[in-house]
Amino acid sequence: MTRSVVRLDGATLFELLTVASLFLVALFGTLIAYQAYRGYRRNDARSMLYLAVGLLLLTLCPFVVNVAVTTLLKPEQIVIAFLENLSRLFGLVAITYSLYGQH
């Protein structure tokens, strides 16, 4: 399976909006995770730490995996999708634990 590289100067509007939306999800997710981490530090509430980790795994890590793995290793798209989904799964598990786990 061959994949072509999308260059910014040749990208369609839809491709540019897709990249921009992925970046914004990562940015806002990181900001919210930082606030949750601050809550953990201020109140020593471990649930906030799990929430912060979960948000990072849910928002920032899939973006980083997509960019870094695609750039460095150039794997098949299914491998990237698997790694992104694995990060999202662990993020949701961490958030679930922050809500329902032993505190």
Protein backbone atom coordinates (compact mmCIF):
# COMPACT_ATOMS: atom_id res chain seq x y z
CA MET A 1 0.00 0.00 0.00
CA THR A 2 1.58 3.29 -1.03
CA ARG A 3 0.79 6.55 0.67
CA SER A 4 1.33 9.99 -0.69
CA VAL A 5 2.54 12.83 1.50
CA VAL A 6 0.22 15.81 1.78
CA ARG A 7 2.14 19.05 1.44
CA LEU A 8 0.68 22.23 2.88
CA ASP A 9 1.14 24.15 -0.36
CA GLY A 10 -0.87 21.50 -2.20
CA ALA A 11 -3.41 20.67 0.51
CA THR A 12 -7.11 21.15 -0.01
CA LEU A 13 -9.15 23.32 2.32
CA PHE A 14 -10.64 20.20 3.89
CA GLU A 15 -7.17 18.78 4.62
CA LEU A 16 -6.04 22.06 6.17
CA LEU A 17 -9.16 22.23 8.33
CA THR A 18 -8.62 18.63 9.42
CA VAL A 19 -5.04 19.34 10.53
CA ALA A 20 -6.12 22.57 12.25
CA SER A 21 -8.92 20.80 14.13
CA LEU A 22 -6.56 18.02 15.27
CA PHE A 23 -4.12 20.63 16.53
CA LEU A 24 -6.87 22.55 18.36
CA VAL A 25 -8.16 19.37 20.04
CA ALA A 26 -4.61 18.63 21.24
CA LEU A 27 -4.12 22.22 22.42
CA PHE A 28 -7.39 22.53 24.34
CA GLY A 29 -7.06 19.03 25.78
CA THR A 30 -3.59 19.90 27.05
CA LEU A 31 -4.82 23.15 28.61
CA ILE A 32 -7.65 21.37 30.42
CA ALA A 33 -5.29 18.59 31.53
CA TYR A 34 -2.91 21.24 32.91
CA GLN A 35 -5.74 22.76 34.95
CA ALA A 36 -6.63 19.30 36.29
CA TYR A 37 -2.97 18.78 37.21
CA ARG A 38 -2.95 22.11 39.03
CA GLY A 39 -6.03 20.93 40.92
CA TYR A 40 -4.16 17.77 41.87
CA ARG A 41 -1.19 19.76 43.15
CA ARG A 42 -3.33 22.29 45.03
CA ASN A 43 -5.70 19.82 46.71
CA ASP A 44 -3.67 16.60 46.64
CA ALA A 45 -6.64 14.94 44.92
CA ARG A 46 -5.38 11.88 43.06
CA SER A 47 -8.56 11.76 41.00
CA MET A 48 -7.49 15.04 39.37
CA LEU A 49 -4.15 13.48 38.46
CA TYR A 50 -5.90 10.57 36.75
CA LEU A 51 -8.18 13.03 35.00
CA ALA A 52 -5.17 15.00 33.73
CA VAL A 53 -3.40 11.87 32.49
CA GLY A 54 -6.59 10.62 30.87
CA LEU A 55 -7.16 13.90 29.05
CA LEU A 56 -3.60 13.90 27.73
CA LEU A 57 -3.96 10.33 26.52
CA LEU A 58 -7.30 11.17 24.95
CA THR A 59 -6.34 14.40 23.19
CA LEU A 60 -2.61 15.12 22.95
CA CYS A 61 -1.13 11.65 22.56
CA PRO A 62 -3.11 10.62 19.45
CA PHE A 63 -1.98 13.84 17.76
CA VAL A 64 1.65 13.27 18.73
CA VAL A 65 1.48 9.61 17.72
CA ASN A 66 0.03 10.54 14.35
CA VAL A 67 2.64 13.21 13.62
CA ALA A 68 5.68 11.54 15.18
CA VAL A 69 5.08 7.97 14.05
CA THR A 70 4.09 9.03 10.55
CA THR A 71 7.16 11.25 10.25
CA LEU A 72 9.71 8.88 11.77
CA LEU A 73 8.55 5.39 10.84
CA LYS A 74 6.07 5.77 7.95
CA PRO A 75 3.98 2.73 8.95
CA GLU A 76 0.72 1.57 7.41
CA GLN A 77 -2.33 3.67 8.28
CA ILE A 78 -3.83 0.78 10.27
CA VAL A 79 -0.85 0.84 12.67
CA ILE A 80 -1.31 4.57 13.28
CA ALA A 81 -5.05 4.09 13.83
CA PHE A 82 -4.35 1.26 16.28
CA LEU A 83 -1.86 3.32 18.30
CA GLU A 84 -4.19 6.32 18.37
CA ASN A 85 -7.12 4.18 19.51
CA LEU A 86 -4.99 2.47 22.15
CA SER A 87 -4.04 5.89 23.55
CA ARG A 88 -7.69 6.95 23.55
CA LEU A 89 -8.71 3.71 25.29
CA PHE A 90 -6.13 4.19 28.05
CA GLY A 91 -7.24 7.82 28.36
CA LEU A 92 -10.85 6.81 28.84
CA VAL A 93 -9.83 4.16 31.38
CA ALA A 94 -7.86 6.78 33.34
CA ILE A 95 -10.79 9.23 33.26
CA THR A 96 -13.19 6.48 34.34
CA TYR A 97 -10.87 5.60 37.21
CA SER A 98 -10.70 9.26 38.21
CA LEU A 99 -14.51 9.28 38.48
CA TYR A 100 -15.22 5.86 40.00
CA GLY A 101 -11.92 4.57 41.41
CA GLN A 102 -10.85 4.26 45.02
CA HIS A 103 -10.03 7.70 46.40
